[in-house]
Structure formats: C-alpha cells, structure tokens
Amino acid sequence: MEKASNTLDYILDTVPVVHPLESYLSLLKFEGKLIIIGAVPRPLQFIASDLILGKKSISGSFVGGIEETQELLDFWAERGLTSMIEIVKMDYVNKAFERMERNDVRYRFVLDVAGSNLE
C-alpha cells in the first residue's frame, strides 16, 4: 500500500459494510476522488485533513441505468482497466456472506448463476 500511495486518480469503493477510509484516501493523487457505490448501513468515518491537504473528494452514486453503465465500461476499456474478482457458485453463497462479514475477502465476489446447479 505504501508503494501505491498518491498514485490513483479515482477509487470506486463497492464495499457494502463499514470500513476505514484512511487507507483508500492515502492512495489518491492530489484532487483524487473516492466514489462510494456500496450501500453501507452505518456512517463511514475519515480524517478531514486527509481530504483537505490533498484537495481530495468523496462522493457517492447509485448504480446507474444502461447509459451510465455503458459510459463506465467504455471508460474502463479505453484505459485498459480490469477488476480482480472471485467467481462463486450458488452453493457457496452462504459461505461468501460469512467471509464478507469476517472481512476475509480480497476481491469482489461475482455470482456464477449460469454455472451453478440450480435444481
């Protein structure tokens, strides 16, 4: 994390549970933006000087419609960006939720419904 300090223009924070923001804010460049799209059930906290000294900002957004989603996909494709994910099948969903509650998740979970045995 120290090597990545002050290197990112944007961070899309999709974490849907309470979590510290300081480590994310330290990764942002001057005028960087942290965009929260994970619906957190309680308030998130941060140190104001982490924002003020780097002219950083925190904003939020619900998942947009088709047009907004396409804009986001185009933005990522133009810049060669990718996501790190962990694909799980339906029979692993409860275990995945348990891992999220324990904060034992390194990548975003993607549910493979098509590859799951749903009978």
Protein backbone atom coordinates (compact mmCIF):
# COMPACT_ATOMS: atom_id res chain seq x y z
CA MET A 1 0.00 0.00 0.00
CA GLU A 2 2.84 2.40 0.76
CA LYS A 3 4.27 1.96 -2.75
CA ALA A 4 0.85 2.81 -4.22
CA SER A 5 0.45 5.94 -2.09
CA ASN A 6 -0.67 9.02 -4.08
CA THR A 7 -0.91 7.10 -7.37
CA LEU A 8 -4.63 6.82 -8.16
CA ASP A 9 -6.98 9.36 -9.74
CA TYR A 10 -10.17 7.52 -8.75
CA ILE A 11 -11.28 4.70 -6.49
CA LEU A 12 -14.68 3.04 -6.87
CA ASP A 13 -15.47 1.77 -3.38
CA THR A 14 -18.00 -1.06 -3.66
CA VAL A 15 -17.64 -2.37 -0.09
CA PRO A 16 -21.16 -2.68 1.42
CA VAL A 17 -20.06 -2.79 5.09
CA VAL A 18 -18.48 -0.28 7.46
CA HIS A 19 -14.75 0.02 6.73
CA PRO A 20 -11.96 2.57 7.32
CA LEU A 21 -11.41 5.09 4.53
CA GLU A 22 -7.94 6.32 5.53
CA SER A 23 -6.04 3.66 3.57
CA TYR A 24 -8.08 4.40 0.43
CA LEU A 25 -7.64 8.15 0.74
CA SER A 26 -3.86 7.74 1.05
CA LEU A 27 -3.82 6.05 -2.37
CA LEU A 28 -5.39 9.03 -4.14
CA LYS A 29 -3.37 11.64 -6.02
CA PHE A 30 -3.85 15.38 -5.49
CA GLU A 31 -7.52 16.14 -6.33
CA GLY A 32 -8.28 12.40 -6.42
CA LYS A 33 -11.81 11.12 -5.96
CA LEU A 34 -13.20 8.31 -3.81
CA ILE A 35 -16.61 7.30 -5.17
CA ILE A 36 -18.71 5.18 -2.84
CA ILE A 37 -21.22 2.89 -4.54
CA GLY A 38 -21.55 0.24 -1.82
CA ALA A 39 -24.66 0.82 0.32
CA VAL A 40 -23.19 0.92 3.83
CA PRO A 41 -25.75 0.55 6.66
CA ARG A 42 -23.91 2.89 9.08
CA PRO A 43 -21.88 6.11 8.71
CA LEU A 44 -18.31 5.86 7.39
CA GLN A 45 -15.61 7.91 9.08
CA PHE A 46 -12.49 9.63 7.81
CA ILE A 47 -9.96 12.23 8.94
CA ALA A 48 -10.84 15.60 7.41
CA SER A 49 -7.21 16.61 6.89
CA ASP A 50 -6.76 13.55 4.62
CA LEU A 51 -9.20 15.26 2.24
CA ILE A 52 -8.24 18.88 2.77
CA LEU A 53 -4.46 18.57 2.33
CA GLY A 54 -4.76 16.77 -0.99
CA LYS A 55 -7.90 18.54 -2.27
CA LYS A 56 -9.44 15.06 -2.43
CA SER A 57 -13.15 14.39 -2.51
CA ILE A 58 -15.61 11.70 -1.51
CA SER A 59 -18.82 11.28 -3.45
CA GLY A 60 -21.45 8.62 -3.87
CA SER A 61 -23.65 7.18 -6.56
CA PHE A 62 -26.27 4.54 -7.02
CA VAL A 63 -25.72 2.12 -9.85
CA GLY A 64 -26.85 3.98 -12.95
CA GLY A 65 -29.00 2.91 -15.84
CA ILE A 66 -27.85 1.32 -19.08
CA GLU A 67 -26.40 4.57 -20.46
CA GLU A 68 -24.33 5.29 -17.33
CA THR A 69 -23.18 1.67 -17.12
CA GLN A 70 -22.05 1.77 -20.76
CA GLU A 71 -20.13 5.02 -20.11
CA LEU A 72 -18.33 3.35 -17.22
CA LEU A 73 -17.48 0.26 -19.29
CA ASP A 74 -16.21 2.46 -22.13
CA PHE A 75 -14.08 4.47 -19.68
CA TRP A 76 -12.50 1.27 -18.33
CA ALA A 77 -11.96 -0.21 -21.82
CA GLU A 78 -10.29 2.99 -23.12
CA ARG A 79 -7.82 2.86 -20.25
CA GLY A 80 -7.27 -0.91 -20.24
CA LEU A 81 -8.63 -1.23 -16.70
CA THR A 82 -9.81 -4.53 -15.22
CA SER A 83 -11.27 -5.80 -11.96
CA MET A 84 -9.98 -8.56 -9.74
CA ILE A 85 -12.85 -10.88 -8.87
CA GLU A 86 -13.56 -14.18 -7.19
CA ILE A 87 -16.23 -16.19 -9.00
CA VAL A 88 -18.50 -18.26 -6.74
CA LYS A 89 -21.32 -20.66 -7.49
CA MET A 90 -24.73 -20.63 -5.79
CA ASP A 91 -23.80 -23.41 -3.36
CA TYR A 92 -21.05 -21.13 -1.96
CA VAL A 93 -23.22 -18.01 -1.41
CA ASN A 94 -23.73 -18.51 2.33
CA LYS A 95 -20.00 -19.10 2.83
CA ALA A 96 -19.26 -15.97 0.76
CA PHE A 97 -21.52 -13.88 3.03
CA GLU A 98 -19.81 -15.32 6.10
CA ARG A 99 -16.42 -14.37 4.62
CA MET A 100 -17.64 -10.83 3.89
CA GLU A 101 -18.82 -10.47 7.50
CA ARG A 102 -15.36 -11.62 8.71
CA ASN A 103 -13.67 -9.19 6.28
CA ASP A 104 -11.98 -12.21 4.68
CA VAL A 105 -12.47 -11.14 1.06
CA ARG A 106 -9.64 -9.96 -1.14
CA TYR A 107 -11.59 -9.46 -4.40
CA ARG A 108 -15.18 -8.68 -5.30
CA PHE A 109 -17.42 -11.75 -5.40
CA VAL A 110 -19.19 -12.47 -8.69
CA LEU A 111 -22.02 -14.98 -8.55
CA ASP A 112 -21.90 -17.54 -11.38
CA VAL A 113 -25.58 -18.37 -11.74
CA ALA A 114 -25.22 -19.93 -15.19
CA GLY A 115 -22.54 -22.33 -13.98
CA SER A 116 -24.41 -23.29 -10.83
CA ASN A 117 -26.58 -26.36 -10.34
CA LEU A 118 -29.91 -24.70 -9.52
CA GLU A 119 -32.05 -27.85 -9.36
